[in-house]
Amino acid sequence: MGLLDSVRGFGLTFGKLFDERVTTEYPAEKREKSERLHGRHVLNRYEDGMEKCIGCELCAGVCPANCIYVRGQDNPADDPVSPGERFGFVYEINYLRCIHCDLCVEACPTEAITESKLFEFSFTSRDDAIYTKDELLVGDDGKPQQLPWEDWRDGEDQHTSAWMRATAPSGDASYEGRVAWAGELGYGTRDPEVGQSGGDGD
């Protein structure tokens, strides 16, 4: 490489010093997230506070990463946990394996498990990466629990994957604008999604 090529290279490098920056000042400033981003899971409740999970284990069966472990148990007759005969007694997700494919959400018959937009969380131990039911289940206000190693921002609990899939099962456009899912504690019945054909939802 000759001297002229070196000068040209340095010229290009120094010229970039004055160009407009395209990077963001992370973590103080973050890029806007897509409405359909797949992030950390939550276990939802009905509006009356009962758990939606019925311990059917379909989410664990469909998971390609084998990261979900569920064990159901019969509901106590005097104090039922969910409206069905059973409830999710044990529910664990191993985030060292999870690929956020959202297949568990699609398999769930009661819309118990959904994915929020939170994807920034780190662990100091492998045990912290295995989320238990106590950590996944929404609080009494219906909001996801915010653990110390998670960086939650405003709106990351909005428009979860249940909201995304509910108006168009299997992408069928005939479901545009139709509400077809149960209300959630803290959110009520979510508005229908804008039509899949690109309309405005009218």
N, C-alpha and C. Protein backbone atom coordinates (compact mmCIF):
# COMPACT_ATOMS: atom_id res chain seq x y z
N MET A 1 0.85 -1.18 0.00
CA MET A 1 0.00 0.00 0.00
C MET A 1 0.89 1.23 0.00
N GLY A 2 0.61 2.14 -0.92
CA GLY A 2 1.45 3.30 -1.05
C GLY A 2 1.07 4.43 -0.11
N LEU A 3 1.93 5.46 -0.12
CA LEU A 3 1.69 6.62 0.73
C LEU A 3 0.40 7.33 0.36
N LEU A 4 0.08 7.40 -0.92
CA LEU A 4 -1.14 8.06 -1.38
C LEU A 4 -2.39 7.34 -0.85
N ASP A 5 -2.34 6.01 -0.86
CA ASP A 5 -3.47 5.23 -0.32
C ASP A 5 -3.65 5.48 1.17
N SER A 6 -2.55 5.59 1.90
CA SER A 6 -2.62 5.86 3.35
C SER A 6 -3.25 7.23 3.61
N VAL A 7 -2.85 8.22 2.84
CA VAL A 7 -3.40 9.56 3.01
C VAL A 7 -4.90 9.56 2.73
N ARG A 8 -5.30 8.86 1.67
CA ARG A 8 -6.73 8.77 1.36
C ARG A 8 -7.50 8.09 2.49
N GLY A 9 -6.92 7.04 3.03
CA GLY A 9 -7.57 6.33 4.14
C GLY A 9 -7.74 7.22 5.35
N PHE A 10 -6.70 7.94 5.73
CA PHE A 10 -6.80 8.85 6.87
C PHE A 10 -7.80 9.97 6.59
N GLY A 11 -7.83 10.44 5.35
CA GLY A 11 -8.79 11.48 4.98
C GLY A 11 -10.22 11.03 5.17
N LEU A 12 -10.48 9.80 4.77
CA LEU A 12 -11.82 9.24 4.94
C LEU A 12 -12.16 9.12 6.43
N THR A 13 -11.20 8.66 7.21
CA THR A 13 -11.43 8.50 8.65
C THR A 13 -11.72 9.83 9.32
N PHE A 14 -10.88 10.84 9.08
CA PHE A 14 -11.08 12.14 9.71
C PHE A 14 -12.35 12.82 9.21
N GLY A 15 -12.74 12.57 7.97
CA GLY A 15 -13.97 13.15 7.44
C GLY A 15 -15.20 12.66 8.19
N LYS A 16 -15.18 11.42 8.65
CA LYS A 16 -16.30 10.86 9.40
C LYS A 16 -16.49 11.51 10.76
N LEU A 17 -15.46 12.15 11.29
CA LEU A 17 -15.57 12.81 12.59
C LEU A 17 -16.63 13.92 12.57
N PHE A 18 -16.91 14.46 11.42
CA PHE A 18 -17.83 15.59 11.31
C PHE A 18 -19.21 15.18 10.78
N ASP A 19 -19.39 13.90 10.47
CA ASP A 19 -20.70 13.43 10.01
C ASP A 19 -21.68 13.34 11.18
N GLU A 20 -22.97 13.36 10.87
CA GLU A 20 -23.99 13.22 11.91
C GLU A 20 -23.93 11.81 12.50
N ARG A 21 -24.04 11.73 13.81
CA ARG A 21 -23.97 10.43 14.49
C ARG A 21 -25.27 9.67 14.30
N VAL A 22 -25.15 8.37 14.13
CA VAL A 22 -26.33 7.53 13.98
C VAL A 22 -26.54 6.64 15.21
N THR A 23 -25.62 6.69 16.14
CA THR A 23 -25.75 5.87 17.34
C THR A 23 -26.57 6.61 18.39
N THR A 24 -27.12 5.85 19.35
CA THR A 24 -27.87 6.44 20.45
C THR A 24 -27.04 6.35 21.72
N GLU A 25 -27.34 7.22 22.67
CA GLU A 25 -26.60 7.25 23.93
C GLU A 25 -27.17 6.19 24.87
N TYR A 26 -26.93 4.93 24.53
CA TYR A 26 -27.42 3.82 25.34
C TYR A 26 -26.62 3.73 26.64
N PRO A 27 -27.24 3.46 27.80
CA PRO A 27 -28.64 3.08 28.02
C PRO A 27 -29.56 4.25 28.35
N ALA A 28 -29.05 5.47 28.45
CA ALA A 28 -29.91 6.60 28.77
C ALA A 28 -30.95 6.82 27.68
N GLU A 29 -30.58 6.59 26.45
CA GLU A 29 -31.48 6.77 25.31
C GLU A 29 -31.59 5.43 24.59
N LYS A 30 -32.82 5.03 24.29
CA LYS A 30 -33.03 3.74 23.64
C LYS A 30 -33.88 3.90 22.40
N ARG A 31 -33.65 3.03 21.44
CA ARG A 31 -34.45 3.04 20.22
C ARG A 31 -35.86 2.59 20.52
N GLU A 32 -36.81 3.06 19.75
CA GLU A 32 -38.20 2.66 19.92
C GLU A 32 -38.36 1.19 19.57
N LYS A 33 -39.15 0.49 20.39
CA LYS A 33 -39.33 -0.94 20.18
C LYS A 33 -40.56 -1.20 19.32
N SER A 34 -40.51 -2.25 18.55
CA SER A 34 -41.65 -2.65 17.75
C SER A 34 -42.79 -3.10 18.64
N GLU A 35 -44.03 -2.89 18.20
CA GLU A 35 -45.18 -3.32 18.99
C GLU A 35 -45.23 -4.82 19.14
N ARG A 36 -44.62 -5.54 18.22
CA ARG A 36 -44.68 -7.00 18.25
C ARG A 36 -43.38 -7.64 18.73
N LEU A 37 -42.57 -6.89 19.42
CA LEU A 37 -41.32 -7.42 19.95
C LEU A 37 -41.60 -8.53 20.95
N HIS A 38 -40.84 -9.60 20.90
CA HIS A 38 -40.97 -10.71 21.84
C HIS A 38 -39.92 -10.54 22.93
N GLY A 39 -40.36 -10.36 24.15
CA GLY A 39 -39.45 -10.17 25.27
C GLY A 39 -39.72 -11.14 26.40
N ARG A 40 -39.54 -10.67 27.62
CA ARG A 40 -39.71 -11.52 28.80
C ARG A 40 -41.18 -11.91 29.00
N HIS A 41 -41.41 -13.16 29.34
CA HIS A 41 -42.77 -13.67 29.52
C HIS A 41 -43.42 -13.15 30.79
N VAL A 42 -44.75 -13.17 30.79
CA VAL A 42 -45.53 -12.94 32.00
C VAL A 42 -46.67 -13.96 32.02
N LEU A 43 -47.07 -14.33 33.22
CA LEU A 43 -48.25 -15.18 33.42
C LEU A 43 -49.39 -14.27 33.86
N ASN A 44 -50.48 -14.29 33.11
CA ASN A 44 -51.58 -13.35 33.31
C ASN A 44 -52.68 -13.88 34.22
N ARG A 45 -53.51 -12.95 34.67
CA ARG A 45 -54.68 -13.26 35.48
C ARG A 45 -55.93 -12.71 34.78
N TYR A 46 -57.07 -13.31 35.10
CA TYR A 46 -58.34 -12.74 34.65
C TYR A 46 -58.63 -11.47 35.46
N GLU A 47 -59.65 -10.74 35.01
CA GLU A 47 -59.97 -9.48 35.67
C GLU A 47 -60.41 -9.66 37.12
N ASP A 48 -60.91 -10.85 37.45
CA ASP A 48 -61.30 -11.11 38.84
C ASP A 48 -60.12 -11.56 39.70
N GLY A 49 -58.94 -11.63 39.11
CA GLY A 49 -57.74 -11.99 39.87
C GLY A 49 -57.34 -13.45 39.77
N MET A 50 -58.20 -14.30 39.21
CA MET A 50 -57.86 -15.71 39.08
C MET A 50 -56.78 -15.91 38.01
N GLU A 51 -55.93 -16.90 38.22
CA GLU A 51 -54.86 -17.19 37.27
C GLU A 51 -55.44 -17.80 36.00
N LYS A 52 -54.85 -17.43 34.86
CA LYS A 52 -55.30 -17.98 33.59
C LYS A 52 -54.70 -19.35 33.30
N CYS A 53 -53.53 -19.64 33.87
CA CYS A 53 -52.85 -20.91 33.60
C CYS A 53 -53.63 -22.06 34.22
N ILE A 54 -53.87 -23.11 33.42
CA ILE A 54 -54.59 -24.28 33.90
C ILE A 54 -53.68 -25.51 33.98
N GLY A 55 -52.37 -25.29 33.85
CA GLY A 55 -51.41 -26.38 34.00
C GLY A 55 -51.53 -27.46 32.95
N CYS A 56 -51.94 -27.12 31.73
CA CYS A 56 -52.13 -28.13 30.69
C CYS A 56 -50.81 -28.60 30.07
N GLU A 57 -49.75 -27.83 30.22
CA GLU A 57 -48.40 -28.16 29.75
C GLU A 57 -48.24 -28.10 28.23
N LEU A 58 -49.20 -27.50 27.52
CA LEU A 58 -49.07 -27.37 26.07
C LEU A 58 -47.89 -26.47 25.69
N CYS A 59 -47.66 -25.42 26.48
CA CYS A 59 -46.54 -24.52 26.19
C CYS A 59 -45.21 -25.26 26.29
N ALA A 60 -45.09 -26.11 27.30
CA ALA A 60 -43.87 -26.89 27.47
C ALA A 60 -43.70 -27.90 26.34
N GLY A 61 -44.81 -28.47 25.88
CA GLY A 61 -44.75 -29.47 24.82
C GLY A 61 -44.34 -28.89 23.48
N VAL A 62 -44.74 -27.64 23.21
CA VAL A 62 -44.47 -27.04 21.90
C VAL A 62 -43.12 -26.32 21.86
N CYS A 63 -42.52 -26.07 23.01
CA CYS A 63 -41.29 -25.27 23.07
C CYS A 63 -40.13 -25.97 22.36
N PRO A 64 -39.57 -25.38 21.29
CA PRO A 64 -38.47 -26.03 20.58
C PRO A 64 -37.15 -26.02 21.34
N ALA A 65 -37.03 -25.12 22.32
CA ALA A 65 -35.79 -25.02 23.09
C ALA A 65 -35.85 -25.82 24.39
N ASN A 66 -37.02 -26.42 24.65
CA ASN A 66 -37.19 -27.22 25.87
C ASN A 66 -36.84 -26.42 27.12
N CYS A 67 -37.30 -25.18 27.17
CA CYS A 67 -36.93 -24.32 28.29
C CYS A 67 -38.06 -24.11 29.30
N ILE A 68 -39.25 -24.67 29.04
CA ILE A 68 -40.39 -24.47 29.93
C ILE A 68 -40.69 -25.77 30.67
N TYR A 69 -40.90 -25.65 31.98
CA TYR A 69 -41.31 -26.79 32.79
C TYR A 69 -42.59 -26.42 33.52
N VAL A 70 -43.63 -27.21 33.33
CA VAL A 70 -44.92 -26.96 33.97
C VAL A 70 -45.40 -28.23 34.65
N ARG A 71 -45.95 -28.07 35.83
CA ARG A 71 -46.61 -29.19 36.50
C ARG A 71 -47.95 -28.70 37.02
N GLY A 72 -49.02 -29.30 36.55
CA GLY A 72 -50.36 -28.92 36.99
C GLY A 72 -50.77 -29.64 38.25
N GLN A 73 -51.80 -29.10 38.88
CA GLN A 73 -52.33 -29.70 40.10
C GLN A 73 -53.82 -29.40 40.15
N ASP A 74 -54.59 -30.29 40.76
CA ASP A 74 -56.03 -30.08 40.89
C ASP A 74 -56.32 -28.86 41.75
N ASN A 75 -57.32 -28.10 41.31
CA ASN A 75 -57.72 -26.92 42.06
C ASN A 75 -58.34 -27.32 43.40
N PRO A 76 -57.98 -26.65 44.49
CA PRO A 76 -58.66 -26.92 45.75
C PRO A 76 -60.12 -26.46 45.66
N ALA A 77 -61.04 -27.30 46.09
CA ALA A 77 -62.46 -27.01 45.95
C ALA A 77 -62.89 -25.78 46.74
N ASP A 78 -62.28 -25.56 47.90
CA ASP A 78 -62.70 -24.45 48.77
C ASP A 78 -62.05 -23.11 48.38
N ASP A 79 -60.92 -23.15 47.68
CA ASP A 79 -60.23 -21.90 47.30
C ASP A 79 -59.52 -22.11 45.95
N PRO A 80 -60.28 -22.14 44.84
CA PRO A 80 -59.66 -22.41 43.53
C PRO A 80 -58.71 -21.30 43.10
N VAL A 81 -57.64 -21.69 42.43
CA VAL A 81 -56.64 -20.75 41.94
C VAL A 81 -57.00 -20.25 40.55
N SER A 82 -57.56 -21.15 39.73
CA SER A 82 -57.98 -20.80 38.37
C SER A 82 -59.41 -21.29 38.16
N PRO A 83 -60.09 -20.83 37.10
CA PRO A 83 -61.48 -21.24 36.89
C PRO A 83 -61.64 -22.70 36.48
N GLY A 84 -60.59 -23.34 36.02
CA GLY A 84 -60.68 -24.72 35.54
C GLY A 84 -60.53 -25.74 36.66
N GLU A 85 -60.41 -26.99 36.24
CA GLU A 85 -60.23 -28.07 37.21
C GLU A 85 -58.81 -28.08 37.78
N ARG A 86 -57.84 -27.56 36.99
CA ARG A 86 -56.45 -27.59 37.41
C ARG A 86 -55.84 -26.20 37.30
N PHE A 87 -54.68 -26.05 37.89
CA PHE A 87 -53.93 -24.80 37.78
C PHE A 87 -52.44 -25.14 37.66
N GLY A 88 -51.67 -24.15 37.25
CA GLY A 88 -50.23 -24.35 37.12
C GLY A 88 -49.57 -24.28 38.48
N PHE A 89 -49.29 -25.43 39.06
CA PHE A 89 -48.69 -25.48 40.39
C PHE A 89 -47.21 -25.08 40.33
N VAL A 90 -46.51 -25.60 39.32
CA VAL A 90 -45.11 -25.24 39.07
C VAL A 90 -45.02 -24.68 37.66
N TYR A 91 -44.34 -23.56 37.51
CA TYR A 91 -44.13 -22.97 36.18
C TYR A 91 -42.74 -22.35 36.16
N GLU A 92 -41.88 -22.84 35.29
CA GLU A 92 -40.51 -22.33 35.21
C GLU A 92 -40.10 -22.13 33.75
N ILE A 93 -39.36 -21.05 33.51
CA ILE A 93 -38.78 -20.80 32.19
C ILE A 93 -37.28 -20.56 32.37
N ASN A 94 -36.48 -21.30 31.62
CA ASN A 94 -35.03 -21.16 31.66
C ASN A 94 -34.60 -20.20 30.55
N TYR A 95 -34.23 -18.97 30.92
CA TYR A 95 -33.88 -17.97 29.92
C TYR A 95 -32.47 -18.15 29.34
N LEU A 96 -31.74 -19.12 29.81
CA LEU A 96 -30.49 -19.46 29.15
C LEU A 96 -30.76 -20.27 27.88
N ARG A 97 -31.98 -20.79 27.76
CA ARG A 97 -32.35 -21.59 26.60
C ARG A 97 -33.38 -20.89 25.71
N CYS A 98 -34.23 -20.05 26.28
CA CYS A 98 -35.36 -19.47 25.55
C CYS A 98 -34.89 -18.69 24.32
N ILE A 99 -35.58 -18.91 23.19
CA ILE A 99 -35.25 -18.20 21.95
C ILE A 99 -36.34 -17.18 21.58
N HIS A 100 -37.31 -16.97 22.46
CA HIS A 100 -38.38 -15.97 22.27
C HIS A 100 -39.10 -16.15 20.94
N CYS A 101 -39.45 -17.39 20.64
CA CYS A 101 -40.14 -17.68 19.37
C CYS A 101 -41.63 -17.41 19.47
N ASP A 102 -42.18 -17.34 20.69
CA ASP A 102 -43.60 -17.05 20.93
C ASP A 102 -44.51 -18.25 20.66
N LEU A 103 -43.95 -19.43 20.41
CA LEU A 103 -44.79 -20.60 20.17
C LEU A 103 -45.58 -20.99 21.41
N CYS A 104 -45.03 -20.74 22.59
CA CYS A 104 -45.76 -21.04 23.82
C CYS A 104 -47.03 -20.20 23.91
N VAL A 105 -46.94 -18.95 23.46
CA VAL A 105 -48.11 -18.07 23.48
C VAL A 105 -49.18 -18.58 22.53
N GLU A 106 -48.76 -19.02 21.36
CA GLU A 106 -49.71 -19.52 20.37
C GLU A 106 -50.37 -20.82 20.84
N ALA A 107 -49.64 -21.63 21.61
CA ALA A 107 -50.18 -22.92 22.05
C ALA A 107 -51.13 -22.78 23.23
N CYS A 108 -51.01 -21.72 24.00
CA CYS A 108 -51.78 -21.59 25.24
C CYS A 108 -53.27 -21.40 24.95
N PRO A 109 -54.14 -22.28 25.45
CA PRO A 109 -55.58 -22.18 25.17
C PRO A 109 -56.29 -21.09 25.97
N THR A 110 -55.65 -20.58 27.02
CA THR A 110 -56.31 -19.59 27.88
C THR A 110 -55.63 -18.22 27.85
N GLU A 111 -54.64 -18.04 26.99
CA GLU A 111 -53.87 -16.80 26.91
C GLU A 111 -53.21 -16.46 28.25
N ALA A 112 -52.77 -17.50 28.94
CA ALA A 112 -52.15 -17.30 30.25
C ALA A 112 -50.75 -16.74 30.14
N ILE A 113 -50.00 -17.18 29.12
CA ILE A 113 -48.62 -16.72 28.98
C ILE A 113 -48.51 -15.80 27.78
N THR A 114 -47.90 -14.65 27.98
CA THR A 114 -47.64 -13.71 26.90
C THR A 114 -46.23 -13.17 27.08
N GLU A 115 -45.75 -12.49 26.04
CA GLU A 115 -44.41 -11.90 26.12
C GLU A 115 -44.51 -10.39 26.11
N SER A 116 -43.82 -9.77 27.05
CA SER A 116 -43.74 -8.31 27.12
C SER A 116 -42.66 -7.83 26.14
N LYS A 117 -42.38 -6.54 26.17
CA LYS A 117 -41.32 -6.00 25.31
C LYS A 117 -39.96 -5.97 26.01
N LEU A 118 -39.92 -6.34 27.28
CA LEU A 118 -38.64 -6.31 28.00
C LEU A 118 -37.70 -7.39 27.48
N PHE A 119 -36.54 -6.99 27.02
CA PHE A 119 -35.54 -7.99 26.61
C PHE A 119 -34.18 -7.69 27.23
N GLU A 120 -34.09 -6.65 28.03
CA GLU A 120 -32.81 -6.29 28.64
C GLU A 120 -32.79 -6.72 30.10
N PHE A 121 -32.29 -7.90 30.32
CA PHE A 121 -32.10 -8.37 31.69
C PHE A 121 -30.89 -9.27 31.71
N SER A 122 -30.12 -9.15 32.77
CA SER A 122 -28.89 -9.93 32.88
C SER A 122 -28.86 -10.59 34.25
N PHE A 123 -28.08 -11.63 34.35
CA PHE A 123 -28.06 -12.43 35.57
C PHE A 123 -26.63 -12.54 36.09
N THR A 124 -26.53 -12.58 37.41
CA THR A 124 -25.22 -12.78 38.03
C THR A 124 -25.03 -14.25 38.42
N SER A 125 -26.09 -15.03 38.30
CA SER A 125 -25.97 -16.46 38.57
C SER A 125 -26.92 -17.21 37.66
N ARG A 126 -26.62 -18.46 37.41
CA ARG A 126 -27.47 -19.28 36.55
C ARG A 126 -28.84 -19.50 37.17
N ASP A 127 -28.92 -19.54 38.48
CA ASP A 127 -30.21 -19.73 39.15
C ASP A 127 -31.17 -18.58 38.86
N ASP A 128 -30.63 -17.36 38.75
CA ASP A 128 -31.48 -16.20 38.46
C ASP A 128 -32.10 -16.28 37.07
N ALA A 129 -31.47 -17.02 36.16
CA ALA A 129 -31.96 -17.13 34.79
C ALA A 129 -33.16 -18.07 34.67
N ILE A 130 -33.44 -18.83 35.70
CA ILE A 130 -34.61 -19.71 35.70
C ILE A 130 -35.72 -19.01 36.48
N TYR A 131 -36.65 -18.45 35.74
CA TYR A 131 -37.76 -17.72 36.35
C TYR A 131 -38.82 -18.70 36.84
N THR A 132 -39.29 -18.49 38.06
CA THR A 132 -40.32 -19.34 38.64
C THR A 132 -41.68 -18.68 38.48
N LYS A 133 -42.70 -19.40 38.86
CA LYS A 133 -44.06 -18.86 38.78
C LYS A 133 -44.20 -17.59 39.61
N ASP A 134 -43.56 -17.56 40.77
CA ASP A 134 -43.64 -16.37 41.62
C ASP A 134 -43.09 -15.13 40.93
N GLU A 135 -42.12 -15.30 40.06
CA GLU A 135 -41.52 -14.16 39.35
C GLU A 135 -42.27 -13.83 38.06
N LEU A 136 -42.88 -14.82 37.44
CA LEU A 136 -43.56 -14.62 36.17
C LEU A 136 -44.99 -14.12 36.33
N LEU A 137 -45.66 -14.49 37.41
CA LEU A 137 -47.06 -14.14 37.61
C LEU A 137 -47.21 -12.65 37.87
N VAL A 138 -48.17 -12.02 37.19
CA VAL A 138 -48.39 -10.59 37.38
C VAL A 138 -48.87 -10.32 38.80
N GLY A 139 -48.64 -9.10 39.27
CA GLY A 139 -49.04 -8.72 40.62
C GLY A 139 -50.53 -8.50 40.74
N ASP A 140 -50.97 -8.05 41.90
CA ASP A 140 -52.39 -7.81 42.15
C ASP A 140 -52.94 -6.68 41.30
N ASP A 141 -52.07 -5.85 40.73
CA ASP A 141 -52.51 -4.77 39.84
C ASP A 141 -52.47 -5.19 38.37
N GLY A 142 -52.07 -6.43 38.11
CA GLY A 142 -52.02 -6.93 36.74
C GLY A 142 -50.74 -6.59 36.01
N LYS A 143 -49.84 -5.87 36.65
CA LYS A 143 -48.58 -5.46 36.01
C LYS A 143 -47.50 -6.52 36.25
N PRO A 144 -46.60 -6.69 35.28
CA PRO A 144 -45.50 -7.65 35.48
C PRO A 144 -44.61 -7.23 36.65
N GLN A 145 -44.08 -8.21 37.34
CA GLN A 145 -43.14 -7.91 38.41
C GLN A 145 -41.83 -7.42 37.81
N GLN A 146 -41.23 -6.46 38.47
CA GLN A 146 -39.97 -5.90 37.98
C GLN A 146 -38.85 -6.32 38.93
N LEU A 147 -38.05 -7.25 38.44
CA LEU A 147 -36.98 -7.81 39.27
C LEU A 147 -35.74 -6.93 39.20
N PRO A 148 -34.86 -7.02 40.20
CA PRO A 148 -33.71 -6.09 40.29
C PRO A 148 -32.81 -6.06 39.07
N TRP A 149 -32.70 -7.17 38.35
CA TRP A 149 -31.78 -7.23 37.21
C TRP A 149 -32.46 -6.90 35.88
N GLU A 150 -33.69 -6.38 35.93
CA GLU A 150 -34.42 -6.05 34.72
C GLU A 150 -34.50 -4.54 34.53
N ASP A 151 -34.38 -4.08 33.30
CA ASP A 151 -34.42 -2.66 32.98
C ASP A 151 -35.74 -2.34 32.27
N TRP A 152 -36.81 -2.18 33.07
CA TRP A 152 -38.13 -1.90 32.52
C TRP A 152 -38.23 -0.42 32.15
N ARG A 153 -38.87 -0.13 31.02
CA ARG A 153 -39.16 1.23 30.59
C ARG A 153 -40.67 1.36 30.36
N ASP A 154 -41.16 2.58 30.31
CA ASP A 154 -42.59 2.82 30.11
C ASP A 154 -43.08 2.15 28.83
N GLY A 155 -44.22 1.49 28.94
CA GLY A 155 -44.86 0.90 27.78
C GLY A 155 -44.40 -0.50 27.42
N GLU A 156 -43.43 -1.04 28.13
CA GLU A 156 -42.93 -2.36 27.77
C GLU A 156 -43.88 -3.49 28.18
N ASP A 157 -44.91 -3.16 28.95
CA ASP A 157 -45.92 -4.15 29.28
C ASP A 157 -47.15 -4.00 28.39
N GLN A 158 -47.14 -3.03 27.49
CA GLN A 158 -48.28 -2.80 26.60
C GLN A 158 -48.18 -3.67 25.35
N HIS A 159 -49.34 -3.90 24.75
CA HIS A 159 -49.41 -4.62 23.47
C HIS A 159 -48.60 -5.92 23.51
N THR A 160 -48.91 -6.76 24.47
CA THR A 160 -48.20 -8.03 24.59
C THR A 160 -48.59 -8.95 23.46
N SER A 161 -47.95 -10.10 23.39
CA SER A 161 -48.19 -11.01 22.28
C SER A 161 -49.62 -11.56 22.30
N ALA A 162 -50.30 -11.55 23.45
CA ALA A 162 -51.71 -11.97 23.45
C ALA A 162 -52.54 -10.96 22.68
N TRP A 163 -52.25 -9.69 22.88
CA TRP A 163 -52.96 -8.64 22.14
C TRP A 163 -52.69 -8.80 20.65
N MET A 164 -51.46 -9.14 20.30
CA MET A 164 -51.07 -9.25 18.90
C MET A 164 -51.82 -10.36 18.19
N ARG A 165 -51.96 -11.51 18.83
CA ARG A 165 -52.49 -12.67 18.13
C ARG A 165 -54.01 -12.75 18.17
N ALA A 166 -54.64 -12.02 19.09
CA ALA A 166 -56.04 -12.29 19.39
C ALA A 166 -57.00 -11.90 18.28
N THR A 167 -56.68 -10.87 17.53
CA THR A 167 -57.63 -10.41 16.53
C THR A 167 -57.54 -11.16 15.21
N ALA A 168 -56.51 -11.96 15.02
CA ALA A 168 -56.37 -12.66 13.74
C ALA A 168 -55.77 -14.05 13.95
N PRO A 169 -56.55 -15.02 14.45
CA PRO A 169 -56.01 -16.37 14.62
C PRO A 169 -55.43 -16.90 13.32
N SER A 170 -54.20 -17.34 13.37
CA SER A 170 -53.48 -17.87 12.21
C SER A 170 -53.41 -16.87 11.07
N GLY A 171 -53.51 -15.59 11.38
CA GLY A 171 -53.39 -14.58 10.34
C GLY A 171 -54.62 -14.44 9.45
N ASP A 172 -55.75 -15.01 9.85
CA ASP A 172 -56.97 -14.95 9.04
C ASP A 172 -57.52 -13.54 9.04
N ALA A 173 -57.57 -12.91 7.86
CA ALA A 173 -58.00 -11.51 7.76
C ALA A 173 -59.47 -11.32 8.10
N SER A 174 -60.26 -12.39 8.10
CA SER A 174 -61.68 -12.24 8.43
C SER A 174 -61.89 -11.89 9.90
N TYR A 175 -60.83 -11.97 10.70
CA TYR A 175 -60.94 -11.64 12.12
C TYR A 175 -60.57 -10.18 12.41
N GLU A 176 -60.38 -9.39 11.38
CA GLU A 176 -59.99 -8.00 11.58
C GLU A 176 -61.02 -7.27 12.44
N GLY A 177 -60.52 -6.56 13.44
CA GLY A 177 -61.37 -5.73 14.27
C GLY A 177 -62.24 -6.47 15.25
N ARG A 178 -62.11 -7.78 15.35
CA ARG A 178 -62.95 -8.54 16.28
C ARG A 178 -62.18 -8.83 17.56
N VAL A 179 -62.81 -8.57 18.70
CA VAL A 179 -62.21 -8.91 19.98
C VAL A 179 -62.58 -10.36 20.29
N ALA A 180 -61.60 -11.21 20.50
CA ALA A 180 -61.88 -12.63 20.69
C ALA A 180 -61.06 -13.21 21.83
N TRP A 181 -60.74 -12.42 22.82
CA TRP A 181 -59.94 -12.94 23.93
C TRP A 181 -60.45 -12.35 25.24
N ALA A 182 -60.06 -12.96 26.33
CA ALA A 182 -60.55 -12.57 27.65
C ALA A 182 -59.83 -11.34 28.17
N GLY A 183 -60.50 -10.59 29.01
CA GLY A 183 -59.90 -9.43 29.64
C GLY A 183 -58.77 -9.82 30.58
N GLU A 184 -57.86 -8.87 30.83
CA GLU A 184 -56.72 -9.11 31.71
C GLU A 184 -56.78 -8.18 32.89
N LEU A 185 -56.38 -8.68 34.04
CA LEU A 185 -56.30 -7.88 35.24
C LEU A 185 -55.40 -6.67 35.00
N GLY A 186 -55.91 -5.48 35.28
CA GLY A 186 -55.14 -4.26 35.12
C GLY A 186 -55.26 -3.62 33.75
N TYR A 187 -55.76 -4.37 32.76
CA TYR A 187 -55.85 -3.86 31.40
C TYR A 187 -57.26 -3.91 30.82
N GLY A 188 -58.10 -4.78 31.37
CA GLY A 188 -59.43 -4.96 30.81
C GLY A 188 -59.34 -5.69 29.48
N THR A 189 -60.33 -5.46 28.63
CA THR A 189 -60.33 -6.05 27.30
C THR A 189 -59.61 -5.11 26.36
N ARG A 190 -58.55 -5.59 25.78
CA ARG A 190 -57.74 -4.74 24.91
C ARG A 190 -58.47 -4.44 23.60
N ASP A 191 -58.24 -3.26 23.05
CA ASP A 191 -58.84 -2.88 21.77
C ASP A 191 -58.32 -3.78 20.66
N PRO A 192 -59.14 -3.99 19.60
CA PRO A 192 -58.65 -4.79 18.48
C PRO A 192 -57.45 -4.16 17.82
N GLU A 193 -56.62 -5.02 17.24
CA GLU A 193 -55.45 -4.56 16.52
C GLU A 193 -55.87 -3.96 15.19
N VAL A 194 -55.08 -3.04 14.65
CA VAL A 194 -55.33 -2.52 13.31
C VAL A 194 -55.34 -3.68 12.33
N GLY A 195 -56.24 -3.64 11.35
CA GLY A 195 -56.43 -4.76 10.45
C GLY A 195 -55.18 -5.23 9.75
N GLN A 196 -55.11 -6.53 9.52
CA GLN A 196 -53.91 -7.10 8.92
C GLN A 196 -53.74 -6.70 7.46
N SER A 197 -54.82 -6.21 6.83
CA SER A 197 -54.71 -5.81 5.44
C SER A 197 -54.12 -4.41 5.30
N GLY A 198 -53.81 -3.78 6.44
CA GLY A 198 -53.20 -2.46 6.40
C GLY A 198 -54.20 -1.34 6.57
N GLY A 199 -55.44 -1.68 6.91
CA GLY A 199 -56.47 -0.68 7.11
C GLY A 199 -56.31 0.02 8.43
N ASP A 200 -57.28 0.87 8.77
CA ASP A 200 -57.18 1.62 10.01
C ASP A 200 -58.05 1.04 11.11
N GLY A 201 -58.58 -0.17 10.90
CA GLY A 201 -59.36 -0.83 11.93
C GLY A 201 -60.83 -0.49 11.89
N ASP A 202 -61.27 0.33 10.93
CA ASP A 202 -62.69 0.69 10.84
C ASP A 202 -63.51 -0.48 10.31
